[in-house]
């Protein structure tokens, strides 16, 4: 009886966290940022072991940071908020990787976060290359990973390595 109750409770938490996650995704599609964050935090609070929730929070944090960075006359508080959002994006992408270390999408997400945060995150280019190289190693046949790694190599002014990655991307997806 107790075991059945615990199973029902656990299953209910999973369903509720998934519901919050779907609400977050729908809110993002409708550009309702505050609700997107709220629902995502609720999903993570209920089920902190779901890497997709952390990866989603990383992506929306990165998106918000990029949006703030487009303003020409940034206030100091906007710059601070942007830095915090980039930091949160890195932390959440890292949490997703810690939960599922061999998922290439999570490594690519972290690498792209570093690429987008070149002016904000210390050692961003090196970290981007390391994360994207891991994604390529885990899924060599994904042309997007090669493309992103090539971009990271260009940021490091390593055109020979960048060219190899761009060629690998084209060989995998010539269209």
Protein backbone atom coordinates (compact mmCIF):
# COMPACT_ATOMS: atom_id res chain seq x y z
CA UNK A 1 0.00 0.00 0.00
CA UNK A 2 2.74 2.46 0.96
CA UNK A 3 4.73 1.50 -2.13
CA UNK A 4 1.71 2.11 -4.33
CA UNK A 5 1.16 5.53 -2.75
CA UNK A 6 4.81 6.47 -3.28
CA UNK A 7 4.65 5.38 -6.92
CA UNK A 8 1.48 7.40 -7.50
CA UNK A 9 3.04 10.42 -5.80
CA UNK A 10 6.21 10.15 -7.92
CA UNK A 11 4.22 9.65 -11.11
CA UNK A 12 2.06 12.67 -10.22
CA UNK A 13 5.17 14.82 -9.78
CA UNK A 14 6.47 13.77 -13.18
CA UNK A 15 3.14 14.56 -14.84
CA UNK A 16 2.89 17.92 -13.08
CA UNK A 17 6.47 18.89 -13.99
CA UNK A 18 5.83 17.92 -17.62
CA UNK A 19 2.66 20.04 -17.59
CA UNK A 20 4.62 23.06 -16.34
CA UNK A 21 7.25 22.42 -18.99
CA UNK A 22 4.62 22.36 -21.76
CA UNK A 23 3.14 25.58 -20.39
CA UNK A 24 6.63 27.11 -20.47
CA UNK A 25 7.15 26.04 -24.08
CA UNK A 26 3.77 27.47 -25.08
CA UNK A 27 4.49 30.72 -23.22
CA UNK A 28 7.80 31.04 -25.04
CA UNK A 29 6.07 30.55 -28.39
CA UNK A 30 3.73 33.38 -27.44
CA UNK A 31 6.62 35.60 -26.21
CA UNK A 32 5.40 35.71 -22.62
CA UNK A 33 8.82 35.78 -20.95
CA UNK A 34 7.74 36.08 -17.32
CA UNK A 35 5.42 33.09 -17.58
CA UNK A 36 8.05 31.10 -19.48
CA UNK A 37 10.52 31.55 -16.64
CA UNK A 38 7.90 30.90 -13.97
CA UNK A 39 6.66 27.68 -15.52
CA UNK A 40 10.20 26.48 -16.20
CA UNK A 41 11.27 27.12 -12.60
CA UNK A 42 8.16 25.28 -11.40
CA UNK A 43 9.00 22.28 -13.60
CA UNK A 44 12.58 22.22 -12.31
CA UNK A 45 11.49 22.63 -8.68
CA UNK A 46 9.14 19.65 -8.98
CA UNK A 47 11.52 17.48 -11.04
CA UNK A 48 15.12 18.76 -10.85
CA UNK A 49 16.51 15.60 -12.48
CA UNK A 50 15.02 16.22 -15.93
CA UNK A 51 17.86 17.52 -18.13
CA UNK A 52 15.47 18.85 -20.78
CA UNK A 53 14.10 21.36 -18.26
CA UNK A 54 17.59 22.64 -17.47
CA UNK A 55 18.52 22.81 -21.15
CA UNK A 56 15.34 24.76 -21.88
CA UNK A 57 16.12 27.21 -19.06
CA UNK A 58 19.62 27.61 -20.51
CA UNK A 59 18.17 28.45 -23.91
CA UNK A 60 15.64 30.98 -22.65
CA UNK A 61 18.26 32.61 -20.41
CA UNK A 62 20.60 32.88 -23.38
CA UNK A 63 17.82 34.30 -25.54
CA UNK A 64 17.01 36.94 -22.91
CA UNK A 65 20.68 37.84 -22.53
CA UNK A 66 21.08 38.21 -26.30
CA UNK A 67 17.99 40.38 -26.43
CA UNK A 68 19.42 42.67 -23.74
CA UNK A 69 22.77 42.83 -25.54
CA UNK A 70 21.16 44.29 -28.68
CA UNK A 71 20.33 47.58 -26.98
CA UNK A 72 22.84 50.27 -27.91
CA UNK A 73 22.58 52.38 -24.77
CA UNK A 74 22.68 49.75 -22.09
CA UNK A 75 22.26 50.82 -18.52
CA UNK A 76 24.70 49.35 -16.01
CA UNK A 77 21.85 47.31 -14.51
CA UNK A 78 21.05 45.89 -17.95
CA UNK A 79 24.67 44.85 -18.40
CA UNK A 80 24.66 43.19 -14.99
CA UNK A 81 21.39 41.41 -15.79
CA UNK A 82 22.80 40.28 -19.13
CA UNK A 83 25.88 38.85 -17.42
CA UNK A 84 23.70 37.02 -14.89
CA UNK A 85 21.54 35.58 -17.67
CA UNK A 86 24.61 34.30 -19.54
CA UNK A 87 25.92 32.82 -16.31
CA UNK A 88 22.57 31.14 -15.68
CA UNK A 89 22.55 29.77 -19.24
CA UNK A 90 25.99 28.23 -18.72
CA UNK A 91 25.01 26.81 -15.32
CA UNK A 92 21.78 25.25 -16.58
CA UNK A 93 23.38 23.79 -19.71
CA UNK A 94 26.08 22.32 -17.47
CA UNK A 95 23.43 20.83 -15.17
CA UNK A 96 21.79 19.14 -18.16
CA UNK A 97 25.18 17.66 -19.14
CA UNK A 98 25.80 16.48 -15.59
CA UNK A 99 22.46 14.65 -15.65
CA UNK A 100 23.08 13.06 -19.08
CA UNK A 101 26.82 13.29 -19.85
CA UNK A 102 26.68 11.60 -23.26
CA UNK A 103 23.95 13.70 -24.85
CA UNK A 104 25.56 15.59 -27.75
CA UNK A 105 22.71 18.14 -27.92
CA UNK A 106 23.44 19.32 -24.39
CA UNK A 107 27.16 19.70 -25.15
CA UNK A 108 26.30 21.62 -28.33
CA UNK A 109 23.89 23.83 -26.40
CA UNK A 110 26.63 24.68 -23.90
CA UNK A 111 29.11 25.35 -26.71
CA UNK A 112 26.69 27.66 -28.51
CA UNK A 113 26.01 29.45 -25.23
CA UNK A 114 29.72 30.13 -24.89
CA UNK A 115 29.91 31.36 -28.49
CA UNK A 116 27.06 33.78 -27.86
CA UNK A 117 28.69 34.97 -24.66
CA UNK A 118 32.15 35.73 -26.06
CA UNK A 119 32.22 39.25 -24.61
CA UNK A 120 30.70 38.24 -21.28
CA UNK A 121 31.96 34.80 -20.24
CA UNK A 122 35.68 34.41 -19.41
CA UNK A 123 37.51 31.90 -21.65
CA UNK A 124 34.35 31.53 -23.70
CA UNK A 125 36.07 30.58 -26.96
CA UNK A 126 38.11 27.77 -25.39
CA UNK A 127 35.04 26.49 -23.55
CA UNK A 128 32.96 26.65 -26.74
CA UNK A 129 35.54 24.60 -28.64
CA UNK A 130 35.73 21.99 -25.87
CA UNK A 131 31.94 21.62 -25.63
CA UNK A 132 31.41 21.52 -29.38
CA UNK A 133 34.27 19.06 -29.86
CA UNK A 134 32.58 16.81 -27.31
CA UNK A 135 29.28 17.10 -29.25
CA UNK A 136 31.07 16.18 -32.49
CA UNK A 137 32.79 13.24 -30.80
CA UNK A 138 29.45 11.97 -29.49
CA UNK A 139 27.60 12.41 -32.80
CA UNK A 140 30.05 12.78 -35.66
CA UNK A 141 27.28 12.61 -38.29
CA UNK A 142 25.51 15.79 -37.18
CA UNK A 143 26.52 18.54 -39.64
CA UNK A 144 25.32 21.32 -37.34
CA UNK A 145 27.85 20.36 -34.68
CA UNK A 146 30.67 20.57 -37.24
CA UNK A 147 29.38 23.93 -38.43
CA UNK A 148 29.27 25.34 -34.89
CA UNK A 149 32.73 23.95 -34.11
CA UNK A 150 34.04 25.57 -37.30
CA UNK A 151 32.64 28.91 -36.13
CA UNK A 152 34.33 28.45 -32.76
CA UNK A 153 37.64 27.72 -34.47
CA UNK A 154 37.24 30.91 -36.51
CA UNK A 155 36.79 32.82 -33.26
CA UNK A 156 40.12 31.35 -32.17
CA UNK A 157 41.63 32.45 -35.50
CA UNK A 158 42.34 28.85 -36.47
CA UNK A 159 41.10 28.90 -40.07
CA UNK A 160 42.64 25.54 -41.00
CA UNK A 161 40.67 23.71 -38.31
CA UNK A 162 37.56 25.75 -39.10
CA UNK A 163 37.79 24.81 -42.78
CA UNK A 164 38.00 21.10 -41.88
CA UNK A 165 34.85 21.38 -39.82
CA UNK A 166 33.00 23.30 -42.52
CA UNK A 167 34.03 20.68 -45.09
CA UNK A 168 32.86 17.88 -42.78
CA UNK A 169 29.54 19.66 -42.35
CA UNK A 170 29.10 20.01 -46.12
CA UNK A 171 30.08 16.38 -46.70
CA UNK A 172 27.38 15.29 -44.23
CA UNK A 173 24.73 17.65 -45.61
CA UNK A 174 25.60 19.00 -49.06
CA UNK A 175 22.16 20.59 -49.50
